């Protein structure tokens, strides 16, 4: 009797299902653009408008990746990174900061807090999806 792994089809190929990505940005246009591009790339997307909702979504959905704007009302993207990395339950979740803050200090701070990548707005949606794919390939082994 042939056993089929739960993630495999009966033909033996691994499912093409991609992981869940959390998108947190207070700019609705950016949030929707990012969500559409990720869905087109096959990802499941949870989109929220602020840092507090991002922390709640991490707990509820356990995404493989969070794409966080740095400047959001309430908790900033950096606050979310600190919280997620300190909490431990989602410490292995990949994080990409997507922000207009382009100074070297801002970028260094993002990486020092535990971000896996840092993308400055304005950005290329095509490059963004490639970077998401690369971060997830690196972090999910």
C-alpha atoms as a PDB file:
ATOM      1  CA  UNK A   1       0.000   0.000   0.000  1.00  0.00           C
ATOM      2  CA  UNK A   2       1.354   3.409  -0.992  1.00  0.00           C
ATOM      3  CA  UNK A   3       1.103   6.075   1.669  1.00  0.00           C
ATOM      4  CA  UNK A   4       0.589   9.659   0.612  1.00  0.00           C
ATOM      5  CA  UNK A   5       2.059  12.437   2.711  1.00  0.00           C
ATOM      6  CA  UNK A   6      -0.690  14.901   3.715  1.00  0.00           C
ATOM      7  CA  UNK A   7       1.006  17.652   1.656  1.00  0.00           C
ATOM      8  CA  UNK A   8       1.381  15.457  -1.430  1.00  0.00           C
ATOM      9  CA  UNK A   9      -1.041  14.663  -4.167  1.00  0.00           C
ATOM     10  CA  UNK A  10      -1.620  10.998  -5.101  1.00  0.00           C
ATOM     11  CA  UNK A  11       0.902  11.506  -7.925  1.00  0.00           C
ATOM     12  CA  UNK A  12       3.573  12.287  -5.354  1.00  0.00           C
ATOM     13  CA  UNK A  13       4.136  15.967  -6.114  1.00  0.00           C
ATOM     14  CA  UNK A  14       4.250  18.381  -3.197  1.00  0.00           C
ATOM     15  CA  UNK A  15       1.311  20.766  -3.014  1.00  0.00           C
ATOM     16  CA  UNK A  16       1.858  24.228  -4.465  1.00  0.00           C
ATOM     17  CA  UNK A  17       0.119  25.827  -1.493  1.00  0.00           C
ATOM     18  CA  UNK A  18       2.179  28.721  -0.227  1.00  0.00           C
ATOM     19  CA  UNK A  19       2.318  30.006   3.347  1.00  0.00           C
ATOM     20  CA  UNK A  20       0.296  32.779   4.949  1.00  0.00           C
ATOM     21  CA  UNK A  21       1.690  36.325   4.868  1.00  0.00           C
ATOM     22  CA  UNK A  22       0.562  39.098   7.207  1.00  0.00           C
ATOM     23  CA  UNK A  23       0.543  42.600   5.709  1.00  0.00           C
ATOM     24  CA  UNK A  24       0.311  45.556   8.122  1.00  0.00           C
ATOM     25  CA  UNK A  25       0.238  49.050   6.664  1.00  0.00           C
ATOM     26  CA  UNK A  26      -1.933  52.033   7.584  1.00  0.00           C
ATOM     27  CA  UNK A  27      -1.925  53.228   3.947  1.00  0.00           C
ATOM     28  CA  UNK A  28      -4.867  51.358   2.408  1.00  0.00           C
ATOM     29  CA  UNK A  29      -3.534  51.695  -1.156  1.00  0.00           C
ATOM     30  CA  UNK A  30      -0.154  50.162  -0.243  1.00  0.00           C
ATOM     31  CA  UNK A  31      -1.809  47.460   1.882  1.00  0.00           C
ATOM     32  CA  UNK A  32      -4.139  46.489  -0.971  1.00  0.00           C
ATOM     33  CA  UNK A  33      -1.362  46.575  -3.612  1.00  0.00           C
ATOM     34  CA  UNK A  34       0.868  44.331  -1.507  1.00  0.00           C
ATOM     35  CA  UNK A  35      -2.003  41.955  -0.712  1.00  0.00           C
ATOM     36  CA  UNK A  36      -2.998  41.673  -4.389  1.00  0.00           C
ATOM     37  CA  UNK A  37       0.575  40.979  -5.510  1.00  0.00           C
ATOM     38  CA  UNK A  38       1.032  38.338  -2.815  1.00  0.00           C
ATOM     39  CA  UNK A  39      -2.267  36.650  -3.680  1.00  0.00           C
ATOM     40  CA  UNK A  40      -1.286  36.650  -7.357  1.00  0.00           C
ATOM     41  CA  UNK A  41       1.912  34.887  -6.291  1.00  0.00           C
ATOM     42  CA  UNK A  42      -0.205  32.239  -4.551  1.00  0.00           C
ATOM     43  CA  UNK A  43       0.122  33.326  -0.925  1.00  0.00           C
ATOM     44  CA  UNK A  44      -2.703  33.421   1.604  1.00  0.00           C
ATOM     45  CA  UNK A  45      -2.839  36.986   2.927  1.00  0.00           C
ATOM     46  CA  UNK A  46      -4.087  38.545   6.143  1.00  0.00           C
ATOM     47  CA  UNK A  47      -4.126  42.360   5.865  1.00  0.00           C
ATOM     48  CA  UNK A  48      -4.435  44.763   8.802  1.00  0.00           C
ATOM     49  CA  UNK A  49      -4.161  48.531   9.220  1.00  0.00           C
ATOM     50  CA  UNK A  50      -2.073  48.975  12.382  1.00  0.00           C
ATOM     51  CA  UNK A  51       0.488  47.447  14.696  1.00  0.00           C
ATOM     52  CA  UNK A  52      -1.957  46.374  17.384  1.00  0.00           C
ATOM     53  CA  UNK A  53      -3.986  44.421  14.832  1.00  0.00           C
ATOM     54  CA  UNK A  54      -0.725  42.964  13.482  1.00  0.00           C
ATOM     55  CA  UNK A  55       0.207  41.526  16.884  1.00  0.00           C
ATOM     56  CA  UNK A  56      -3.271  40.010  17.220  1.00  0.00           C
ATOM     57  CA  UNK A  57      -3.077  38.571  13.678  1.00  0.00           C
ATOM     58  CA  UNK A  58       0.302  36.967  14.427  1.00  0.00           C
ATOM     59  CA  UNK A  59      -1.243  35.201  17.415  1.00  0.00           C
ATOM     60  CA  UNK A  60      -4.367  34.133  15.522  1.00  0.00           C
ATOM     61  CA  UNK A  61      -2.991  33.179  12.096  1.00  0.00           C
ATOM     62  CA  UNK A  62       0.644  32.203  12.784  1.00  0.00           C
ATOM     63  CA  UNK A  63       1.881  33.576   9.444  1.00  0.00           C
ATOM     64  CA  UNK A  64       5.189  32.449   7.980  1.00  0.00           C
ATOM     65  CA  UNK A  65       6.002  36.079   7.147  1.00  0.00           C
ATOM     66  CA  UNK A  66       4.930  39.527   8.308  1.00  0.00           C
ATOM     67  CA  UNK A  67       5.337  42.550   6.027  1.00  0.00           C
ATOM     68  CA  UNK A  68       5.243  45.582   8.315  1.00  0.00           C
ATOM     69  CA  UNK A  69       5.152  49.299   7.670  1.00  0.00           C
ATOM     70  CA  UNK A  70       7.409  51.026  10.170  1.00  0.00           C
ATOM     71  CA  UNK A  71       5.273  54.130  10.721  1.00  0.00           C
ATOM     72  CA  UNK A  72       1.778  53.066  11.819  1.00  0.00           C
ATOM     73  CA  UNK A  73      -0.560  54.468  14.462  1.00  0.00           C
ATOM     74  CA  UNK A  74      -0.448  52.825  17.869  1.00  0.00           C
ATOM     75  CA  UNK A  75       2.285  50.213  17.687  1.00  0.00           C
ATOM     76  CA  UNK A  76       4.844  50.933  14.987  1.00  0.00           C
ATOM     77  CA  UNK A  77       6.259  48.179  12.796  1.00  0.00           C
ATOM     78  CA  UNK A  78       9.391  48.274  14.942  1.00  0.00           C
ATOM     79  CA  UNK A  79       7.260  47.808  18.057  1.00  0.00           C
ATOM     80  CA  UNK A  80       5.639  44.793  16.420  1.00  0.00           C
ATOM     81  CA  UNK A  81       9.070  43.324  15.610  1.00  0.00           C
ATOM     82  CA  UNK A  82      10.184  43.812  19.224  1.00  0.00           C
ATOM     83  CA  UNK A  83       6.996  42.265  20.558  1.00  0.00           C
ATOM     84  CA  UNK A  84       7.062  39.239  18.239  1.00  0.00           C
ATOM     85  CA  UNK A  85      10.760  38.553  18.775  1.00  0.00           C
ATOM     86  CA  UNK A  86      10.487  38.958  22.563  1.00  0.00           C
ATOM     87  CA  UNK A  87       7.267  36.961  22.930  1.00  0.00           C
ATOM     88  CA  UNK A  88       8.871  33.821  21.536  1.00  0.00           C
ATOM     89  CA  UNK A  89       5.754  32.141  20.165  1.00  0.00           C
ATOM     90  CA  UNK A  90       6.401  33.548  16.695  1.00  0.00           C
ATOM     91  CA  UNK A  91      10.115  34.154  17.058  1.00  0.00           C
ATOM     92  CA  UNK A  92      10.836  32.132  13.911  1.00  0.00           C
ATOM     93  CA  UNK A  93       8.393  34.127  11.749  1.00  0.00           C
ATOM     94  CA  UNK A  94      10.143  35.989   8.932  1.00  0.00           C
ATOM     95  CA  UNK A  95       9.736  39.782   8.904  1.00  0.00           C
ATOM     96  CA  UNK A  96      10.112  42.295   6.088  1.00  0.00           C
ATOM     97  CA  UNK A  97       9.908  45.983   6.930  1.00  0.00           C
ATOM     98  CA  UNK A  98       8.313  48.016   4.117  1.00  0.00           C
ATOM     99  CA  UNK A  99       8.734  51.712   4.790  1.00  0.00           C
ATOM    100  CA  UNK A 100       9.517  55.206   3.551  1.00  0.00           C
ATOM    101  CA  UNK A 101      12.240  55.494   6.196  1.00  0.00           C
ATOM    102  CA  UNK A 102      15.406  55.190   4.151  1.00  0.00           C
ATOM    103  CA  UNK A 103      18.148  56.554   6.409  1.00  0.00           C
ATOM    104  CA  UNK A 104      20.993  54.172   7.195  1.00  0.00           C
ATOM    105  CA  UNK A 105      20.187  54.394  10.922  1.00  0.00           C
ATOM    106  CA  UNK A 106      16.577  53.302  10.294  1.00  0.00           C
ATOM    107  CA  UNK A 107      17.687  50.336   8.204  1.00  0.00           C
ATOM    108  CA  UNK A 108      20.285  49.282  10.779  1.00  0.00           C
ATOM    109  CA  UNK A 109      17.681  49.554  13.559  1.00  0.00           C
ATOM    110  CA  UNK A 110      15.261  47.341  11.629  1.00  0.00           C
ATOM    111  CA  UNK A 111      17.850  44.624  11.108  1.00  0.00           C
ATOM    112  CA  UNK A 112      19.137  44.919  14.691  1.00  0.00           C
ATOM    113  CA  UNK A 113      15.618  44.266  15.996  1.00  0.00           C
ATOM    114  CA  UNK A 114      15.305  41.103  13.935  1.00  0.00           C
ATOM    115  CA  UNK A 115      13.921  42.011  10.514  1.00  0.00           C
ATOM    116  CA  UNK A 116      14.935  39.630   7.729  1.00  0.00           C
ATOM    117  CA  UNK A 117      14.705  42.273   4.999  1.00  0.00           C
ATOM    118  CA  UNK A 118      14.061  46.009   4.636  1.00  0.00           C
ATOM    119  CA  UNK A 119      12.344  47.480   1.580  1.00  0.00           C
ATOM    120  CA  UNK A 120      12.108  51.224   1.036  1.00  0.00           C
ATOM    121  CA  UNK A 121       9.000  52.852  -0.484  1.00  0.00           C
ATOM    122  CA  UNK A 122       8.436  53.517  -3.295  1.00  0.00           C
ATOM    123  CA  UNK A 123       9.177  49.957  -4.367  1.00  0.00           C
ATOM    124  CA  UNK A 124       8.833  47.697  -7.378  1.00  0.00           C
ATOM    125  CA  UNK A 125       5.949  45.251  -6.811  1.00  0.00           C
ATOM    126  CA  UNK A 126       7.765  42.647  -8.908  1.00  0.00           C
ATOM    127  CA  UNK A 127      10.974  42.984  -6.881  1.00  0.00           C
ATOM    128  CA  UNK A 128       8.897  42.909  -3.692  1.00  0.00           C
ATOM    129  CA  UNK A 129       7.434  39.485  -4.576  1.00  0.00           C
ATOM    130  CA  UNK A 130      10.905  38.164  -5.448  1.00  0.00           C
ATOM    131  CA  UNK A 131      12.218  39.338  -2.087  1.00  0.00           C
ATOM    132  CA  UNK A 132       9.282  37.728  -0.260  1.00  0.00           C
ATOM    133  CA  UNK A 133      10.029  34.467  -2.072  1.00  0.00           C
ATOM    134  CA  UNK A 134      13.732  34.720  -1.197  1.00  0.00           C
ATOM    135  CA  UNK A 135      13.141  35.478   2.494  1.00  0.00           C
ATOM    136  CA  UNK A 136      10.713  32.584   2.826  1.00  0.00           C
ATOM    137  CA  UNK A 137      13.034  30.199   0.983  1.00  0.00           C
ATOM    138  CA  UNK A 138      15.858  31.166   3.369  1.00  0.00           C
ATOM    139  CA  UNK A 139      13.854  31.045   6.566  1.00  0.00           C
ATOM    140  CA  UNK A 140      11.744  27.982   5.847  1.00  0.00           C
ATOM    141  CA  UNK A 141      14.706  25.963   4.558  1.00  0.00           C
END
